[in-house]
Each structure stands twice: as structure tokens, then as C-alpha cells.
Amino acid sequence: MVRREENGSEAVMSEATAEKLWTVSECARFLQMSVSWVYKQVGANAIPHAHLGSRLRFHPQRIREYAQTIGANDGARAKVIPLRKRTV
């Protein structure tokens, strides 16, 4: 199987390494975010994606790398807010 890369080169992929591209809902499910959030990230060109005709698709490995990147960046800024006990 031959796949055309963004830079115009061709990458040869074996059937064993070829992985099905994800749809918007599959990407959202993996990231545990809403579909609308994924569309917003695509609109901001913040998430790796591909347009196949009028369809959006996501390469699973690139999304995994993206998730690790944002997880590492967001972890440094995250605050822990303790929950207060409810009094009845």
C-alpha cells in the first residue's frame, strides 16, 4: 500500500502497519472530548487532521502523539481544587 505524504513524497505501508483513519466521533471518543470540541480544534488548525473530499479524518498515531503533547503541556498548568464537603 502506498500513501501520499503531505510533503508530496510517498510512504510504503505494509498491511500489518496500516491503521484505519479515525472519524470525528472516533477521535473525540479517544480524546474523551465532545465532537464539537474536535471541530473547533480543526477550525483553529490545532489538531492534526486530513480532509478527504468533504470528510475529516484523523491518523491515530498522530492523535496519540497530540494527546501526549497536550497532556504534558496542560499538566504543568493544571490546578487542583479541593472539593468541599456538603453540609446538610
C-alpha atoms as a PDB file:
ATOM      1  CA  MET A   1       0.000   0.000   0.000  1.00  0.00           C
ATOM      2  CA  VAL A   2       1.332   3.452  -0.898  1.00  0.00           C
ATOM      3  CA  ARG A   3       0.276   6.585   0.888  1.00  0.00           C
ATOM      4  CA  ARG A   4       0.946  10.140  -0.255  1.00  0.00           C
ATOM      5  CA  GLU A   5       2.538  12.279   2.475  1.00  0.00           C
ATOM      6  CA  GLU A   6       1.786  15.983   2.990  1.00  0.00           C
ATOM      7  CA  ASN A   7       5.163  16.933   1.508  1.00  0.00           C
ATOM      8  CA  GLY A   8       4.369  15.051  -1.728  1.00  0.00           C
ATOM      9  CA  SER A   9       6.564  12.033  -1.036  1.00  0.00           C
ATOM     10  CA  GLU A  10       5.194   8.526  -0.959  1.00  0.00           C
ATOM     11  CA  ALA A  11       5.380   6.237   2.048  1.00  0.00           C
ATOM     12  CA  VAL A  12       5.086   2.494   1.600  1.00  0.00           C
ATOM     13  CA  MET A  13       2.976   0.836   4.265  1.00  0.00           C
ATOM     14  CA  SER A  14       2.528  -2.862   4.813  1.00  0.00           C
ATOM     15  CA  GLU A  15      -0.898  -4.277   5.572  1.00  0.00           C
ATOM     16  CA  ALA A  16       0.300  -5.027   9.112  1.00  0.00           C
ATOM     17  CA  THR A  17       1.246  -1.404   9.844  1.00  0.00           C
ATOM     18  CA  ALA A  18      -1.660   0.248   8.026  1.00  0.00           C
ATOM     19  CA  GLU A  19      -4.189   1.562  10.523  1.00  0.00           C
ATOM     20  CA  LYS A  20      -7.684   2.756   9.680  1.00  0.00           C
ATOM     21  CA  LEU A  21      -8.154   6.516   9.815  1.00  0.00           C
ATOM     22  CA  TRP A  22     -10.500   7.764  12.526  1.00  0.00           C
ATOM     23  CA  THR A  23     -13.692   9.715  12.003  1.00  0.00           C
ATOM     24  CA  VAL A  24     -14.504  12.824  14.043  1.00  0.00           C
ATOM     25  CA  SER A  25     -16.530  10.811  16.542  1.00  0.00           C
ATOM     26  CA  GLU A  26     -13.782   8.184  16.927  1.00  0.00           C
ATOM     27  CA  CYS A  27     -11.218  10.924  17.513  1.00  0.00           C
ATOM     28  CA  ALA A  28     -13.489  12.614  20.059  1.00  0.00           C
ATOM     29  CA  ARG A  29     -14.070   9.314  21.844  1.00  0.00           C
ATOM     30  CA  PHE A  30     -10.327   8.636  22.073  1.00  0.00           C
ATOM     31  CA  LEU A  31      -9.598  12.145  23.401  1.00  0.00           C
ATOM     32  CA  GLN A  32     -12.641  11.974  25.696  1.00  0.00           C
ATOM     33  CA  MET A  33     -13.884  15.272  24.322  1.00  0.00           C
ATOM     34  CA  SER A  34     -17.042  16.314  22.501  1.00  0.00           C
ATOM     35  CA  VAL A  35     -17.405  16.211  18.729  1.00  0.00           C
ATOM     36  CA  SER A  36     -17.928  19.993  18.722  1.00  0.00           C
ATOM     37  CA  TRP A  37     -14.603  20.439  20.562  1.00  0.00           C
ATOM     38  CA  VAL A  38     -12.840  18.409  17.848  1.00  0.00           C
ATOM     39  CA  TYR A  39     -14.422  20.560  15.130  1.00  0.00           C
ATOM     40  CA  LYS A  40     -13.283  23.723  16.952  1.00  0.00           C
ATOM     41  CA  GLN A  41      -9.732  22.381  17.166  1.00  0.00           C
ATOM     42  CA  VAL A  42      -9.792  21.544  13.457  1.00  0.00           C
ATOM     43  CA  GLY A  43     -11.061  25.056  12.691  1.00  0.00           C
ATOM     44  CA  ALA A  44      -8.174  26.518  14.684  1.00  0.00           C
ATOM     45  CA  ASN A  45      -5.783  24.099  12.949  1.00  0.00           C
ATOM     46  CA  ALA A  46      -4.689  22.968  16.416  1.00  0.00           C
ATOM     47  CA  ILE A  47      -5.183  19.235  15.929  1.00  0.00           C
ATOM     48  CA  PRO A  48      -3.610  17.087  13.184  1.00  0.00           C
ATOM     49  CA  HIS A  49      -6.242  16.196  10.598  1.00  0.00           C
ATOM     50  CA  ALA A  50      -6.775  15.461   6.911  1.00  0.00           C
ATOM     51  CA  HIS A  51      -9.553  16.415   4.532  1.00  0.00           C
ATOM     52  CA  LEU A  52     -10.622  13.564   2.263  1.00  0.00           C
ATOM     53  CA  GLY A  53     -13.016  15.304  -0.051  1.00  0.00           C
ATOM     54  CA  SER A  54     -15.551  16.873   2.271  1.00  0.00           C
ATOM     55  CA  ARG A  55     -14.764  14.431   5.100  1.00  0.00           C
ATOM     56  CA  LEU A  56     -12.428  14.908   8.040  1.00  0.00           C
ATOM     57  CA  ARG A  57     -10.186  12.050   9.058  1.00  0.00           C
ATOM     58  CA  PHE A  58      -7.542  11.628  11.742  1.00  0.00           C
ATOM     59  CA  HIS A  59      -4.431   9.449  11.720  1.00  0.00           C
ATOM     60  CA  PRO A  60      -4.499   7.500  15.001  1.00  0.00           C
ATOM     61  CA  GLN A  61      -0.755   7.727  15.692  1.00  0.00           C
ATOM     62  CA  ARG A  62      -0.697  11.494  15.159  1.00  0.00           C
ATOM     63  CA  ILE A  63      -3.677  11.902  17.506  1.00  0.00           C
ATOM     64  CA  ARG A  64      -1.922   9.765  20.142  1.00  0.00           C
ATOM     65  CA  GLU A  65       1.169  11.992  19.840  1.00  0.00           C
ATOM     66  CA  TYR A  66      -1.035  15.094  20.016  1.00  0.00           C
ATOM     67  CA  ALA A  67      -2.723  13.759  23.169  1.00  0.00           C
ATOM     68  CA  GLN A  68       0.655  13.148  24.823  1.00  0.00           C
ATOM     69  CA  THR A  69       1.808  16.646  23.884  1.00  0.00           C
ATOM     70  CA  ILE A  70      -1.253  18.442  25.242  1.00  0.00           C
ATOM     71  CA  GLY A  71      -1.271  16.199  28.306  1.00  0.00           C
ATOM     72  CA  ALA A  72       2.326  17.169  29.085  1.00  0.00           C
ATOM     73  CA  ASN A  73       1.654  20.883  28.497  1.00  0.00           C
ATOM     74  CA  ASP A  74      -1.634  21.047  30.370  1.00  0.00           C
ATOM     75  CA  GLY A  75      -0.303  19.117  33.346  1.00  0.00           C
ATOM     76  CA  ALA A  76       2.123  21.903  34.193  1.00  0.00           C
ATOM     77  CA  ARG A  77      -0.679  24.494  34.255  1.00  0.00           C
ATOM     78  CA  ALA A  78      -3.326  22.395  35.966  1.00  0.00           C
ATOM     79  CA  LYS A  79      -4.547  23.390  39.406  1.00  0.00           C
ATOM     80  CA  VAL A  80      -6.020  21.029  41.924  1.00  0.00           C
ATOM     81  CA  ILE A  81      -9.097  22.498  43.531  1.00  0.00           C
ATOM     82  CA  PRO A  82     -10.173  20.556  46.600  1.00  0.00           C
ATOM     83  CA  LEU A  83     -13.829  19.671  46.904  1.00  0.00           C
ATOM     84  CA  ARG A  84     -15.652  20.918  49.950  1.00  0.00           C
ATOM     85  CA  LYS A  85     -17.853  18.614  51.932  1.00  0.00           C
ATOM     86  CA  ARG A  86     -21.518  19.386  51.581  1.00  0.00           C
ATOM     87  CA  THR A  87     -23.239  20.182  54.825  1.00  0.00           C
ATOM     88  CA  VAL A  88     -26.801  19.110  55.123  1.00  0.00           C
END
